[in-house]
Each structure stands twice: as structure tokens, then as C-alpha cells.
């Protein structure tokens, strides 16, 4: 799996470098309008705009990943606590005496003497 990831990363780097090389020149300049938030930029190379857009997208994705990671960590921690409590309960039930377990099982089938219905008498 790491080889596929390394290959994809190398391919991404080649594509970014090729894009930068093909779009670097005097004819590839744009104006960036950020009036309400910041001042405007004039004659900015297109490569710079794409690079900062890529950086902004990466930072936003990282923030979303971190929030999801913390949410899942809290859920996993809760599930582990519940599993530990259930395993403890099972261990306690396994260590009960046989006589007590037999009494519990005889009452579990619904045929104990005080649970009989008056309608079932024959």
C-alpha cells in the first residue's frame, strides 16, 4: 500500500511541476480581487494563485480531518469502556456457582410455580 501511495504522490508532484512550468510567463498573469477582506493584487502569476488555492484547500481538509478524528476517538473510547464493562459482567456471570445458575435457568423458561396462569389449569 505504501508503494501505491508513494507512486501517487510522485505523480502529483510531476503534475504540479508540469503545470507550473507550462503556466509561467508574462501572458499568464491575473488580477486577484479580495476587496471586502483584503486589498487587491494586480498582475499576479497564475501559478501563485493556484498554489495558494491548493494550500488553502489542504489546510481546510486538514481541519476537517482533525475534527472527524477527535469525534471518532471519543466514540472509540466510549465503545472500549462499554466493551470492558460487558467483559467484566460476563466474567462475573461465568464464575457463579452451578446451583445458582441452575436456579436462574429454571426460572428463565417461564414455567416457575408462581408464574403459572390461572387460565392454563387443566
PDB file of N, CA and C in Angstrom:
ATOM      1  N   UNK A   1       0.823  -1.202   0.000  1.00  0.00           N
ATOM      2  CA  UNK A   1       0.000   0.000   0.000  1.00  0.00           C
ATOM      3  C   UNK A   1       0.862   1.258   0.000  1.00  0.00           C
ATOM      4  N   UNK A   2       1.986   1.200   0.704  1.00  0.00           N
ATOM      5  CA  UNK A   2       2.840   2.376   0.757  1.00  0.00           C
ATOM      6  C   UNK A   2       3.437   2.686  -0.612  1.00  0.00           C
ATOM      7  N   UNK A   3       3.640   1.658  -1.437  1.00  0.00           N
ATOM      8  CA  UNK A   3       4.195   1.875  -2.773  1.00  0.00           C
ATOM      9  C   UNK A   3       3.193   2.617  -3.656  1.00  0.00           C
ATOM     10  N   UNK A   4       1.927   2.266  -3.545  1.00  0.00           N
ATOM     11  CA  UNK A   4       0.890   2.950  -4.323  1.00  0.00           C
ATOM     12  C   UNK A   4       0.791   4.414  -3.881  1.00  0.00           C
ATOM     13  N   UNK A   5       0.848   4.631  -2.563  1.00  0.00           N
ATOM     14  CA  UNK A   5       0.781   5.998  -2.051  1.00  0.00           C
ATOM     15  C   UNK A   5       1.981   6.827  -2.532  1.00  0.00           C
ATOM     16  N   UNK A   6       3.172   6.229  -2.505  1.00  0.00           N
ATOM     17  CA  UNK A   6       4.367   6.934  -2.972  1.00  0.00           C
ATOM     18  C   UNK A   6       4.281   7.227  -4.466  1.00  0.00           C
ATOM     19  N   UNK A   7       3.757   6.287  -5.235  1.00  0.00           N
ATOM     20  CA  UNK A   7       3.599   6.487  -6.676  1.00  0.00           C
ATOM     21  C   UNK A   7       2.603   7.615  -6.963  1.00  0.00           C
ATOM     22  N   UNK A   8       1.490   7.631  -6.244  1.00  0.00           N
ATOM     23  CA  UNK A   8       0.516   8.707  -6.435  1.00  0.00           C
ATOM     24  C   UNK A   8       1.083  10.070  -6.033  1.00  0.00           C
ATOM     25  N   UNK A   9       1.874  10.107  -4.968  1.00  0.00           N
ATOM     26  CA  UNK A   9       2.492  11.359  -4.543  1.00  0.00           C
ATOM     27  C   UNK A   9       3.497  11.849  -5.592  1.00  0.00           C
ATOM     28  N   UNK A  10       4.287  10.947  -6.140  1.00  0.00           N
ATOM     29  CA  UNK A  10       5.239  11.324  -7.182  1.00  0.00           C
ATOM     30  C   UNK A  10       4.506  11.829  -8.423  1.00  0.00           C
ATOM     31  N   UNK A  11       3.407  11.175  -8.789  1.00  0.00           N
ATOM     32  CA  UNK A  11       2.612  11.610  -9.934  1.00  0.00           C
ATOM     33  C   UNK A  11       2.029  13.005  -9.693  1.00  0.00           C
ATOM     34  N   UNK A  12       1.546  13.254  -8.486  1.00  0.00           N
ATOM     35  CA  UNK A  12       1.012  14.571  -8.148  1.00  0.00           C
ATOM     36  C   UNK A  12       2.087  15.649  -8.244  1.00  0.00           C
ATOM     37  N   UNK A  13       3.281  15.347  -7.783  1.00  0.00           N
ATOM     38  CA  UNK A  13       4.384  16.318  -7.851  1.00  0.00           C
ATOM     39  C   UNK A  13       4.741  16.607  -9.298  1.00  0.00           C
ATOM     40  N   UNK A  14       4.781  15.580 -10.130  1.00  0.00           N
ATOM     41  CA  UNK A  14       5.094  15.778 -11.556  1.00  0.00           C
ATOM     42  C   UNK A  14       4.021  16.645 -12.214  1.00  0.00           C
ATOM     43  N   UNK A  15       2.767  16.410 -11.900  1.00  0.00           N
ATOM     44  CA  UNK A  15       1.680  17.198 -12.493  1.00  0.00           C
ATOM     45  C   UNK A  15       1.773  18.658 -12.043  1.00  0.00           C
ATOM     46  N   UNK A  16       2.069  18.893 -10.776  1.00  0.00           N
ATOM     47  CA  UNK A  16       2.178  20.272 -10.276  1.00  0.00           C
ATOM     48  C   UNK A  16       3.350  20.991 -10.932  1.00  0.00           C
ATOM     49  N   UNK A  17       4.482  20.323 -11.033  1.00  0.00           N
ATOM     50  CA  UNK A  17       5.651  20.952 -11.670  1.00  0.00           C
ATOM     51  C   UNK A  17       5.380  21.217 -13.149  1.00  0.00           C
ATOM     52  N   UNK A  18       4.743  20.293 -13.844  1.00  0.00           N
ATOM     53  CA  UNK A  18       4.417  20.496 -15.264  1.00  0.00           C
ATOM     54  C   UNK A  18       3.444  21.660 -15.428  1.00  0.00           C
ATOM     55  N   UNK A  19       2.448  21.744 -14.549  1.00  0.00           N
ATOM     56  CA  UNK A  19       1.503  22.857 -14.607  1.00  0.00           C
ATOM     57  C   UNK A  19       2.226  24.188 -14.398  1.00  0.00           C
ATOM     58  N   UNK A  20       3.099  24.218 -13.394  1.00  0.00           N
ATOM     59  CA  UNK A  20       3.832  25.453 -13.104  1.00  0.00           C
ATOM     60  C   UNK A  20       4.737  25.847 -14.270  1.00  0.00           C
ATOM     61  N   UNK A  21       5.394  24.874 -14.870  1.00  0.00           N
ATOM     62  CA  UNK A  21       6.294  25.162 -15.980  1.00  0.00           C
ATOM     63  C   UNK A  21       5.531  25.689 -17.197  1.00  0.00           C
ATOM     64  N   UNK A  22       4.373  25.093 -17.502  1.00  0.00           N
ATOM     65  CA  UNK A  22       3.607  25.495 -18.676  1.00  0.00           C
ATOM     66  C   UNK A  22       2.835  26.800 -18.476  1.00  0.00           C
ATOM     67  N   UNK A  23       2.602  27.206 -17.242  1.00  0.00           N
ATOM     68  CA  UNK A  23       1.825  28.411 -16.985  1.00  0.00           C
ATOM     69  C   UNK A  23       2.647  29.535 -16.358  1.00  0.00           C
ATOM     70  N   UNK A  24       3.933  29.509 -16.605  1.00  0.00           N
ATOM     71  CA  UNK A  24       4.797  30.555 -16.078  1.00  0.00           C
ATOM     72  C   UNK A  24       5.274  31.412 -17.242  1.00  0.00           C
ATOM     73  N   UNK A  25       4.802  32.618 -17.290  1.00  0.00           N
ATOM     74  CA  UNK A  25       5.192  33.524 -18.368  1.00  0.00           C
ATOM     75  C   UNK A  25       4.481  34.852 -18.212  1.00  0.00           C
ATOM     76  N   UNK A  26       4.838  35.774 -19.062  1.00  0.00           N
ATOM     77  CA  UNK A  26       4.249  37.113 -18.983  1.00  0.00           C
ATOM     78  C   UNK A  26       2.770  37.112 -19.350  1.00  0.00           C
ATOM     79  N   UNK A  27       2.354  36.196 -20.220  1.00  0.00           N
ATOM     80  CA  UNK A  27       0.953  36.180 -20.636  1.00  0.00           C
ATOM     81  C   UNK A  27       0.044  35.486 -19.618  1.00  0.00           C
ATOM     82  N   UNK A  28       0.622  34.846 -18.618  1.00  0.00           N
ATOM     83  CA  UNK A  28      -0.161  34.098 -17.635  1.00  0.00           C
ATOM     84  C   UNK A  28      -0.263  34.871 -16.314  1.00  0.00           C
ATOM     85  N   UNK A  29      -0.764  36.078 -16.381  1.00  0.00           N
ATOM     86  CA  UNK A  29      -0.935  36.910 -15.189  1.00  0.00           C
ATOM     87  C   UNK A  29      -2.404  37.245 -15.023  1.00  0.00           C
ATOM     88  N   UNK A  30      -2.862  37.289 -13.779  1.00  0.00           N
ATOM     89  CA  UNK A  30      -4.265  37.569 -13.492  1.00  0.00           C
ATOM     90  C   UNK A  30      -4.341  38.634 -12.396  1.00  0.00           C
ATOM     91  N   UNK A  31      -5.517  39.249 -12.290  1.00  0.00           N
ATOM     92  CA  UNK A  31      -5.788  40.180 -11.205  1.00  0.00           C
ATOM     93  C   UNK A  31      -6.615  39.449 -10.149  1.00  0.00           C
ATOM     94  N   UNK A  32      -6.246  39.632  -8.891  1.00  0.00           N
ATOM     95  CA  UNK A  32      -6.939  38.972  -7.792  1.00  0.00           C
ATOM     96  C   UNK A  32      -7.666  40.044  -6.993  1.00  0.00           C
ATOM     97  N   UNK A  33      -9.003  39.879  -6.904  1.00  0.00           N
ATOM     98  CA  UNK A  33      -9.841  40.854  -6.219  1.00  0.00           C
ATOM     99  C   UNK A  33     -10.258  40.291  -4.857  1.00  0.00           C
ATOM    100  N   UNK A  34      -9.722  40.880  -3.779  1.00  0.00           N
ATOM    101  CA  UNK A  34     -10.052  40.471  -2.414  1.00  0.00           C
ATOM    102  C   UNK A  34     -10.571  41.675  -1.628  1.00  0.00           C
ATOM    103  N   UNK A  35     -11.353  42.520  -2.283  1.00  0.00           N
ATOM    104  CA  UNK A  35     -11.759  43.808  -1.723  1.00  0.00           C
ATOM    105  C   UNK A  35     -12.392  43.773  -0.336  1.00  0.00           C
ATOM    106  N   UNK A  36     -13.398  42.996  -0.078  1.00  0.00           N
ATOM    107  CA  UNK A  36     -14.032  43.119   1.240  1.00  0.00           C
ATOM    108  C   UNK A  36     -13.128  42.669   2.391  1.00  0.00           C
ATOM    109  N   UNK A  37     -12.214  41.755   2.132  1.00  0.00           N
ATOM    110  CA  UNK A  37     -11.405  41.200   3.203  1.00  0.00           C
ATOM    111  C   UNK A  37      -9.995  41.787   3.219  1.00  0.00           C
ATOM    112  N   UNK A  38      -9.413  41.923   2.069  1.00  0.00           N
ATOM    113  CA  UNK A  38      -8.019  42.335   1.949  1.00  0.00           C
ATOM    114  C   UNK A  38      -7.886  43.218   0.714  1.00  0.00           C
ATOM    115  N   UNK A  39      -6.708  43.742   0.459  1.00  0.00           N
ATOM    116  CA  UNK A  39      -6.543  44.607  -0.722  1.00  0.00           C
ATOM    117  C   UNK A  39      -6.360  43.772  -1.991  1.00  0.00           C
ATOM    118  N   UNK A  40      -6.498  44.439  -3.129  1.00  0.00           N
ATOM    119  CA  UNK A  40      -6.435  43.761  -4.428  1.00  0.00           C
ATOM    120  C   UNK A  40      -4.991  43.577  -4.878  1.00  0.00           C
ATOM    121  N   UNK A  41      -4.781  42.539  -5.680  1.00  0.00           N
ATOM    122  CA  UNK A  41      -3.474  42.280  -6.283  1.00  0.00           C
ATOM    123  C   UNK A  41      -3.624  42.391  -7.799  1.00  0.00           C
ATOM    124  N   UNK A  42      -2.627  42.964  -8.432  1.00  0.00           N
ATOM    125  CA  UNK A  42      -2.654  43.159  -9.885  1.00  0.00           C
ATOM    126  C   UNK A  42      -1.453  42.433 -10.484  1.00  0.00           C
ATOM    127  N   UNK A  43      -1.680  41.782 -11.616  1.00  0.00           N
ATOM    128  CA  UNK A  43      -0.642  41.051 -12.365  1.00  0.00           C
ATOM    129  C   UNK A  43       0.064  39.993 -11.516  1.00  0.00           C
ATOM    130  N   UNK A  44      -0.736  39.116 -10.943  1.00  0.00           N
ATOM    131  CA  UNK A  44      -0.195  38.001 -10.148  1.00  0.00           C
ATOM    132  C   UNK A  44      -0.041  36.804 -11.079  1.00  0.00           C
ATOM    133  N   UNK A  45       1.093  36.109 -11.026  1.00  0.00           N
ATOM    134  CA  UNK A  45       1.243  34.913 -11.860  1.00  0.00           C
ATOM    135  C   UNK A  45       0.175  33.864 -11.505  1.00  0.00           C
ATOM    136  N   UNK A  46      -0.348  33.220 -12.531  1.00  0.00           N
ATOM    137  CA  UNK A  46      -1.390  32.220 -12.343  1.00  0.00           C
ATOM    138  C   UNK A  46      -0.911  31.074 -11.448  1.00  0.00           C
ATOM    139  N   UNK A  47       0.358  30.722 -11.537  1.00  0.00           N
ATOM    140  CA  UNK A  47       0.922  29.654 -10.726  1.00  0.00           C
ATOM    141  C   UNK A  47       0.796  29.996  -9.240  1.00  0.00           C
ATOM    142  N   UNK A  48       1.004  31.248  -8.887  1.00  0.00           N
ATOM    143  CA  UNK A  48       0.902  31.677  -7.491  1.00  0.00           C
ATOM    144  C   UNK A  48      -0.525  31.545  -6.985  1.00  0.00           C
ATOM    145  N   UNK A  49      -1.485  31.941  -7.798  1.00  0.00           N
ATOM    146  CA  UNK A  49      -2.892  31.841  -7.400  1.00  0.00           C
ATOM    147  C   UNK A  49      -3.287  30.386  -7.200  1.00  0.00           C
ATOM    148  N   UNK A  50      -2.883  29.512  -8.112  1.00  0.00           N
ATOM    149  CA  UNK A  50      -3.219  28.094  -7.999  1.00  0.00           C
ATOM    150  C   UNK A  50      -2.518  27.483  -6.782  1.00  0.00           C
ATOM    151  N   UNK A  51      -1.261  27.857  -6.551  1.00  0.00           N
ATOM    152  CA  UNK A  51      -0.533  27.327  -5.405  1.00  0.00           C
ATOM    153  C   UNK A  51      -1.218  27.699  -4.095  1.00  0.00           C
ATOM    154  N   UNK A  52      -1.587  28.970  -3.927  1.00  0.00           N
ATOM    155  CA  UNK A  52      -2.225  29.383  -2.669  1.00  0.00           C
ATOM    156  C   UNK A  52      -3.636  28.799  -2.532  1.00  0.00           C
ATOM    157  N   UNK A  53      -4.304  28.578  -3.647  1.00  0.00           N
ATOM    158  CA  UNK A  53      -5.584  27.876  -3.592  1.00  0.00           C
ATOM    159  C   UNK A  53      -5.410  26.435  -3.129  1.00  0.00           C
ATOM    160  N   UNK A  54      -4.364  25.782  -3.614  1.00  0.00           N
ATOM    161  CA  UNK A  54      -4.050  24.425  -3.185  1.00  0.00           C
ATOM    162  C   UNK A  54      -3.719  24.378  -1.699  1.00  0.00           C
ATOM    163  N   UNK A  55      -2.935  25.349  -1.231  1.00  0.00           N
ATOM    164  CA  UNK A  55      -2.574  25.406   0.193  1.00  0.00           C
ATOM    165  C   UNK A  55      -3.830  25.628   1.046  1.00  0.00           C
ATOM    166  N   UNK A  56      -4.708  26.537   0.619  1.00  0.00           N
ATOM    167  CA  UNK A  56      -5.940  26.788   1.378  1.00  0.00           C
ATOM    168  C   UNK A  56      -6.819  25.539   1.435  1.00  0.00           C
ATOM    169  N   UNK A  57      -6.932  24.823   0.333  1.00  0.00           N
ATOM    170  CA  UNK A  57      -7.706  23.581   0.315  1.00  0.00           C
ATOM    171  C   UNK A  57      -7.098  22.510   1.207  1.00  0.00           C
ATOM    172  N   UNK A  58      -5.783  22.429   1.232  1.00  0.00           N
ATOM    173  CA  UNK A  58      -5.099  21.460   2.083  1.00  0.00           C
ATOM    174  C   UNK A  58      -5.327  21.772   3.561  1.00  0.00           C
ATOM    175  N   UNK A  59      -5.227  23.046   3.927  1.00  0.00           N
ATOM    176  CA  UNK A  59      -5.444  23.437   5.321  1.00  0.00           C
ATOM    177  C   UNK A  59      -6.890  23.169   5.735  1.00  0.00           C
ATOM    178  N   UNK A  60      -7.843  23.483   4.882  1.00  0.00           N
ATOM    179  CA  UNK A  60      -9.249  23.227   5.187  1.00  0.00           C
ATOM    180  C   UNK A  60      -9.512  21.727   5.343  1.00  0.00           C
ATOM    181  N   UNK A  61      -8.947  20.920   4.466  1.00  0.00           N
ATOM    182  CA  UNK A  61      -9.101  19.469   4.565  1.00  0.00           C
ATOM    183  C   UNK A  61      -8.476  18.936   5.850  1.00  0.00           C
ATOM    184  N   UNK A  62      -7.335  19.478   6.238  1.00  0.00           N
ATOM    185  CA  UNK A  62      -6.685  19.074   7.469  1.00  0.00           C
ATOM    186  C   UNK A  62      -7.549  19.393   8.681  1.00  0.00           C
ATOM    187  N   UNK A  63      -8.148  20.573   8.707  1.00  0.00           N
ATOM    188  CA  UNK A  63      -9.022  20.949   9.818  1.00  0.00           C
ATOM    189  C   UNK A  63     -10.242  20.033   9.896  1.00  0.00           C
ATOM    190  N   UNK A  64     -10.838  19.714   8.754  1.00  0.00           N
ATOM    191  CA  UNK A  64     -11.979  18.799   8.742  1.00  0.00           C
ATOM    192  C   UNK A  64     -11.571  17.401   9.202  1.00  0.00           C
ATOM    193  N   UNK A  65     -10.396  16.953   8.797  1.00  0.00           N
ATOM    194  CA  UNK A  65      -9.912  15.647   9.213  1.00  0.00           C
ATOM    195  C   UNK A  65      -9.685  15.605  10.721  1.00  0.00           C
ATOM    196  N   UNK A  66      -9.102  16.668  11.268  1.00  0.00           N
ATOM    197  CA  UNK A  66      -8.817  16.690  12.709  1.00  0.00           C
ATOM    198  C   UNK A  66     -10.110  16.635  13.515  1.00  0.00           C
ATOM    199  N   UNK A  67     -11.134  17.385  13.107  1.00  0.00           N
ATOM    200  CA  UNK A  67     -12.394  17.349  13.850  1.00  0.00           C
ATOM    201  C   UNK A  67     -13.040  15.962  13.765  1.00  0.00           C
ATOM    202  N   UNK A  68     -12.993  15.350  12.608  1.00  0.00           N
ATOM    203  CA  UNK A  68     -13.546  13.999  12.463  1.00  0.00           C
ATOM    204  C   UNK A  68     -12.739  12.998  13.286  1.00  0.00           C
ATOM    205  N   UNK A  69     -11.426  13.170  13.311  1.00  0.00           N
ATOM    206  CA  UNK A  69     -10.559  12.272  14.080  1.00  0.00           C
ATOM    207  C   UNK A  69     -10.890  12.344  15.567  1.00  0.00           C
ATOM    208  N   UNK A  70     -11.055  13.548  16.105  1.00  0.00           N
ATOM    209  CA  UNK A  70     -11.388  13.689  17.522  1.00  0.00           C
ATOM    210  C   UNK A  70     -12.762  13.104  17.830  1.00  0.00           C
ATOM    211  N   UNK A  71     -13.723  13.306  16.942  1.00  0.00           N
ATOM    212  CA  UNK A  71     -15.064  12.752  17.146  1.00  0.00           C
ATOM    213  C   UNK A  71     -15.009  11.229  17.191  1.00  0.00           C
ATOM    214  N   UNK A  72     -14.301  10.623  16.256  1.00  0.00           N
ATOM    215  CA  UNK A  72     -14.186   9.166  16.228  1.00  0.00           C
ATOM    216  C   UNK A  72     -13.392   8.645  17.423  1.00  0.00           C
ATOM    217  N   UNK A  73     -12.389   9.394  17.878  1.00  0.00           N
ATOM    218  CA  UNK A  73     -11.620   8.978  19.050  1.00  0.00           C
ATOM    219  C   UNK A  73     -12.500   8.914  20.283  1.00  0.00           C
ATOM    220  N   UNK A  74     -13.379   9.893  20.445  1.00  0.00           N
ATOM    221  CA  UNK A  74     -14.292   9.896  21.588  1.00  0.00           C
ATOM    222  C   UNK A  74     -15.248   8.709  21.496  1.00  0.00           C
ATOM    223  N   UNK A  75     -15.760   8.420  20.308  1.00  0.00           N
ATOM    224  CA  UNK A  75     -16.659   7.283  20.141  1.00  0.00           C
ATOM    225  C   UNK A  75     -15.945   5.957  20.431  1.00  0.00           C
ATOM    226  N   UNK A  76     -14.715   5.819  19.978  1.00  0.00           N
ATOM    227  CA  UNK A  76     -13.952   4.593  20.210  1.00  0.00           C
ATOM    228  C   UNK A  76     -13.663   4.429  21.696  1.00  0.00           C
ATOM    229  N   UNK A  77     -13.310   5.515  22.372  1.00  0.00           N
ATOM    230  CA  UNK A  77     -13.044   5.438  23.804  1.00  0.00           C
ATOM    231  C   UNK A  77     -14.291   4.968  24.560  1.00  0.00           C
ATOM    232  N   UNK A  78     -15.456   5.511  24.205  1.00  0.00           N
ATOM    233  CA  UNK A  78     -16.706   5.084  24.839  1.00  0.00           C
ATOM    234  C   UNK A  78     -17.014   3.630  24.561  1.00  0.00           C
ATOM    235  N   UNK A  79     -16.789   3.193  23.324  1.00  0.00           N
ATOM    236  CA  UNK A  79     -17.049   1.792  22.970  1.00  0.00           C
ATOM    237  C   UNK A  79     -16.116   0.857  23.728  1.00  0.00           C
ATOM    238  N   UNK A  80     -14.854   1.246  23.893  1.00  0.00           N
ATOM    239  CA  UNK A  80     -13.912   0.408  24.640  1.00  0.00           C
ATOM    240  C   UNK A  80     -14.314   0.291  26.102  1.00  0.00           C
ATOM    241  N   UNK A  81     -14.784   1.385  26.700  1.00  0.00           N
ATOM    242  CA  UNK A  81     -15.250   1.333  28.089  1.00  0.00           C
ATOM    243  C   UNK A  81     -16.448   0.401  28.221  1.00  0.00           C
ATOM    244  N   UNK A  82     -17.363   0.479  27.257  1.00  0.00           N
ATOM    245  CA  UNK A  82     -18.545  -0.380  27.294  1.00  0.00           C
ATOM    246  C   UNK A  82     -18.147  -1.844  27.115  1.00  0.00           C
ATOM    247  N   UNK A  83     -17.221  -2.124  26.213  1.00  0.00           N
ATOM    248  CA  UNK A  83     -16.747  -3.497  25.997  1.00  0.00           C
ATOM    249  C   UNK A  83     -16.108  -4.032  27.266  1.00  0.00           C
ATOM    250  N   UNK A  84     -15.297  -3.215  27.923  1.00  0.00           N
ATOM    251  CA  UNK A  84     -14.642  -3.655  29.158  1.00  0.00           C
ATOM    252  C   UNK A  84     -15.678  -3.956  30.236  1.00  0.00           C
ATOM    253  N   UNK A  85     -16.712  -3.105  30.362  1.00  0.00           N
ATOM    254  CA  UNK A  85     -17.758  -3.348  31.345  1.00  0.00           C
ATOM    255  C   UNK A  85     -18.519  -4.629  31.027  1.00  0.00           C
ATOM    256  N   UNK A  86     -18.822  -4.860  29.760  1.00  0.00           N
ATOM    257  CA  UNK A  86     -19.529  -6.086  29.379  1.00  0.00           C
ATOM    258  C   UNK A  86     -18.678  -7.332  29.583  1.00  0.00           C
ATOM    259  N   UNK A  87     -17.371  -7.234  29.303  1.00  0.00           N
ATOM    260  CA  UNK A  87     -16.487  -8.372  29.536  1.00  0.00           C
ATOM    261  C   UNK A  87     -16.394  -8.681  31.026  1.00  0.00           C
ATOM    262  N   UNK A  88     -16.387  -7.654  31.858  1.00  0.00           N
ATOM    263  CA  UNK A  88     -16.374  -7.860  33.307  1.00  0.00           C
ATOM    264  C   UNK A  88     -17.653  -8.538  33.763  1.00  0.00           C
ATOM    265  N   UNK A  89     -18.778  -8.102  33.205  1.00  0.00           N
ATOM    266  CA  UNK A  89     -20.064  -8.717  33.556  1.00  0.00           C
ATOM    267  C   UNK A  89     -20.103 -10.181  33.142  1.00  0.00           C
ATOM    268  N   UNK A  90     -19.609 -10.500  31.974  1.00  0.00           N
ATOM    269  CA  UNK A  90     -19.580 -11.892  31.508  1.00  0.00           C
ATOM    270  C   UNK A  90     -18.679 -12.728  32.412  1.00  0.00           C
ATOM    271  N   UNK A  91     -17.541 -12.171  32.820  1.00  0.00           N
ATOM    272  CA  UNK A  91     -16.634 -12.909  33.706  1.00  0.00           C
ATOM    273  C   UNK A  91     -17.299 -13.185  35.047  1.00  0.00           C
ATOM    274  N   UNK A  92     -18.041 -12.222  35.570  1.00  0.00           N
ATOM    275  CA  UNK A  92     -18.758 -12.420  36.838  1.00  0.00           C
ATOM    276  C   UNK A  92     -19.813 -13.503  36.679  1.00  0.00           C
ATOM    277  N   UNK A  93     -20.566 -13.469  35.566  1.00  0.00           N
ATOM    278  CA  UNK A  93     -21.601 -14.477  35.341  1.00  0.00           C
ATOM    279  C   UNK A  93     -21.006 -15.869  35.155  1.00  0.00           C
ATOM    280  N   UNK A  94     -19.839 -15.978  34.559  1.00  0.00           N
ATOM    281  CA  UNK A  94     -19.201 -17.280  34.355  1.00  0.00           C
ATOM    282  C   UNK A  94     -18.720 -17.876  35.675  1.00  0.00           C
ATOM    283  N   UNK A  95     -18.388 -17.051  36.621  1.00  0.00           N
ATOM    284  CA  UNK A  95     -17.836 -17.529  37.882  1.00  0.00           C
ATOM    285  C   UNK A  95     -18.903 -17.787  38.949  1.00  0.00           C
ATOM    286  N   UNK A  96     -20.157 -17.712  38.613  1.00  0.00           N
ATOM    287  CA  UNK A  96     -21.230 -18.024  39.576  1.00  0.00           C
ATOM    288  C   UNK A  96     -21.253 -19.513  39.868  1.00  0.00           C
ATOM    289  N   UNK A  97     -21.732 -19.884  41.047  1.00  0.00           N
ATOM    290  CA  UNK A  97     -21.856 -21.320  41.362  1.00  0.00           C
ATOM    291  C   UNK A  97     -22.878 -21.997  40.450  1.00  0.00           C
ATOM    292  N   UNK A  98     -22.703 -23.278  40.236  1.00  0.00           N
ATOM    293  CA  UNK A  98     -23.570 -24.034  39.327  1.00  0.00           C
ATOM    294  C   UNK A  98     -25.007 -24.076  39.844  1.00  0.00           C
ATOM    295  N   UNK A  99     -25.184 -24.216  41.151  1.00  0.00           N
ATOM    296  CA  UNK A  99     -26.536 -24.293  41.712  1.00  0.00           C
ATOM    297  C   UNK A  99     -27.308 -23.002  41.456  1.00  0.00           C
ATOM    298  N   UNK A 100     -26.641 -21.871  41.632  1.00  0.00           N
ATOM    299  CA  UNK A 100     -27.308 -20.585  41.414  1.00  0.00           C
ATOM    300  C   UNK A 100     -27.671 -20.423  39.940  1.00  0.00           C
ATOM    301  N   UNK A 101     -26.795 -20.862  39.046  1.00  0.00           N
ATOM    302  CA  UNK A 101     -27.080 -20.780  37.617  1.00  0.00           C
ATOM    303  C   UNK A 101     -28.241 -21.685  37.240  1.00  0.00           C
ATOM    304  N   UNK A 102     -28.323 -22.868  37.866  1.00  0.00           N
ATOM    305  CA  UNK A 102     -29.421 -23.788  37.572  1.00  0.00           C
ATOM    306  C   UNK A 102     -30.744 -23.186  38.012  1.00  0.00           C
ATOM    307  N   UNK A 103     -30.751 -22.517  39.160  1.00  0.00           N
ATOM    308  CA  UNK A 103     -31.979 -21.868  39.629  1.00  0.00           C
ATOM    309  C   UNK A 103     -32.395 -20.750  38.686  1.00  0.00           C
ATOM    310  N   UNK A 104     -31.430 -19.992  38.209  1.00  0.00           N
ATOM    311  CA  UNK A 104     -31.737 -18.908  37.266  1.00  0.00           C
ATOM    312  C   UNK A 104     -32.290 -19.463  35.964  1.00  0.00           C
ATOM    313  N   UNK A 105     -31.718 -20.573  35.496  1.00  0.00           N
ATOM    314  CA  UNK A 105     -32.177 -21.150  34.237  1.00  0.00           C
ATOM    315  C   UNK A 105     -33.557 -21.774  34.372  1.00  0.00           C
ATOM    316  N   UNK A 106     -33.857 -22.361  35.502  1.00  0.00           N
ATOM    317  CA  UNK A 106     -35.181 -22.962  35.661  1.00  0.00           C
ATOM    318  C   UNK A 106     -36.253 -21.884  35.706  1.00  0.00           C
ATOM    319  N   UNK A 107     -35.951 -20.714  36.205  1.00  0.00           N
ATOM    320  CA  UNK A 107     -36.914 -19.612  36.224  1.00  0.00           C
ATOM    321  C   UNK A 107     -36.992 -18.895  34.899  1.00  0.00           C
ATOM    322  N   UNK A 108     -36.021 -19.089  34.040  1.00  0.00           N
ATOM    323  CA  UNK A 108     -35.981 -18.365  32.773  1.00  0.00           C
ATOM    324  C   UNK A 108     -36.918 -18.946  31.734  1.00  0.00           C
ATOM    325  N   UNK A 109     -37.320 -20.203  31.889  1.00  0.00           N
ATOM    326  CA  UNK A 109     -38.175 -20.809  30.871  1.00  0.00           C
ATOM    327  C   UNK A 109     -39.633 -20.415  31.016  1.00  0.00           C
ATOM    328  N   UNK A 110     -39.978 -19.664  32.059  1.00  0.00           N
ATOM    329  CA  UNK A 110     -41.344 -19.173  32.216  1.00  0.00           C
ATOM    330  C   UNK A 110     -42.269 -20.169  32.854  1.00  0.00           C
ATOM    331  N   UNK A 111     -41.796 -21.275  33.354  1.00  0.00           N
ATOM    332  CA  UNK A 111     -42.623 -22.323  33.932  1.00  0.00           C
ATOM    333  C   UNK A 111     -42.422 -22.438  35.440  1.00  0.00           C
ATOM    334  N   UNK A 112     -42.031 -21.397  36.098  1.00  0.00           N
ATOM    335  CA  UNK A 112     -41.900 -21.476  37.552  1.00  0.00           C
ATOM    336  C   UNK A 112     -43.281 -21.522  38.176  1.00  0.00           C
ATOM    337  N   UNK A 113     -43.368 -21.955  39.410  1.00  0.00           N
ATOM    338  CA  UNK A 113     -44.662 -22.231  40.036  1.00  0.00           C
ATOM    339  C   UNK A 113     -45.487 -20.975  40.260  1.00  0.00           C
ATOM    340  N   UNK A 114     -44.869 -19.856  40.605  1.00  0.00           N
ATOM    341  CA  UNK A 114     -45.643 -18.651  40.888  1.00  0.00           C
ATOM    342  C   UNK A 114     -45.977 -17.875  39.622  1.00  0.00           C
ATOM    343  N   UNK A 115     -45.407 -18.253  38.496  1.00  0.00           N
ATOM    344  CA  UNK A 115     -45.694 -17.559  37.236  1.00  0.00           C
ATOM    345  C   UNK A 115     -46.802 -18.255  36.438  1.00  0.00           C
ATOM    346  N   UNK A 116     -47.329 -19.367  36.909  1.00  0.00           N
ATOM    347  CA  UNK A 116     -48.365 -20.086  36.142  1.00  0.00           C
ATOM    348  C   UNK A 116     -49.640 -19.277  36.097  1.00  0.00           C
ATOM    349  N   UNK A 117     -50.273 -19.316  34.973  1.00  0.00           N
ATOM    350  CA  UNK A 117     -51.516 -18.570  34.773  1.00  0.00           C
ATOM    351  C   UNK A 117     -52.700 -19.425  35.207  1.00  0.00           C
ATOM    352  N   UNK A 118     -53.719 -18.766  35.697  1.00  0.00           N
ATOM    353  CA  UNK A 118     -54.932 -19.471  36.103  1.00  0.00           C
ATOM    354  C   UNK A 118     -55.675 -20.020  34.891  1.00  0.00           C
ATOM    355  N   UNK A 119     -55.450 -19.501  33.733  1.00  0.00           N
ATOM    356  CA  UNK A 119     -56.140 -19.920  32.517  1.00  0.00           C
ATOM    357  C   UNK A 119     -55.582 -21.209  31.947  1.00  0.00           C
ATOM    358  N   UNK A 120     -54.354 -21.582  32.353  1.00  0.00           N
ATOM    359  CA  UNK A 120     -53.703 -22.774  31.805  1.00  0.00           C
ATOM    360  C   UNK A 120     -53.977 -24.017  32.645  1.00  0.00           C
ATOM    361  N   UNK A 121     -54.785 -23.931  33.674  1.00  0.00           N
ATOM    362  CA  UNK A 121     -55.027 -25.096  34.529  1.00  0.00           C
ATOM    363  C   UNK A 121     -55.856 -26.130  33.776  1.00  0.00           C
ATOM    364  N   UNK A 122     -55.501 -27.378  33.930  1.00  0.00           N
ATOM    365  CA  UNK A 122     -56.288 -28.404  33.283  1.00  0.00           C
ATOM    366  C   UNK A 122     -56.620 -29.538  34.221  1.00  0.00           C
TER     367      UNK A 122
END
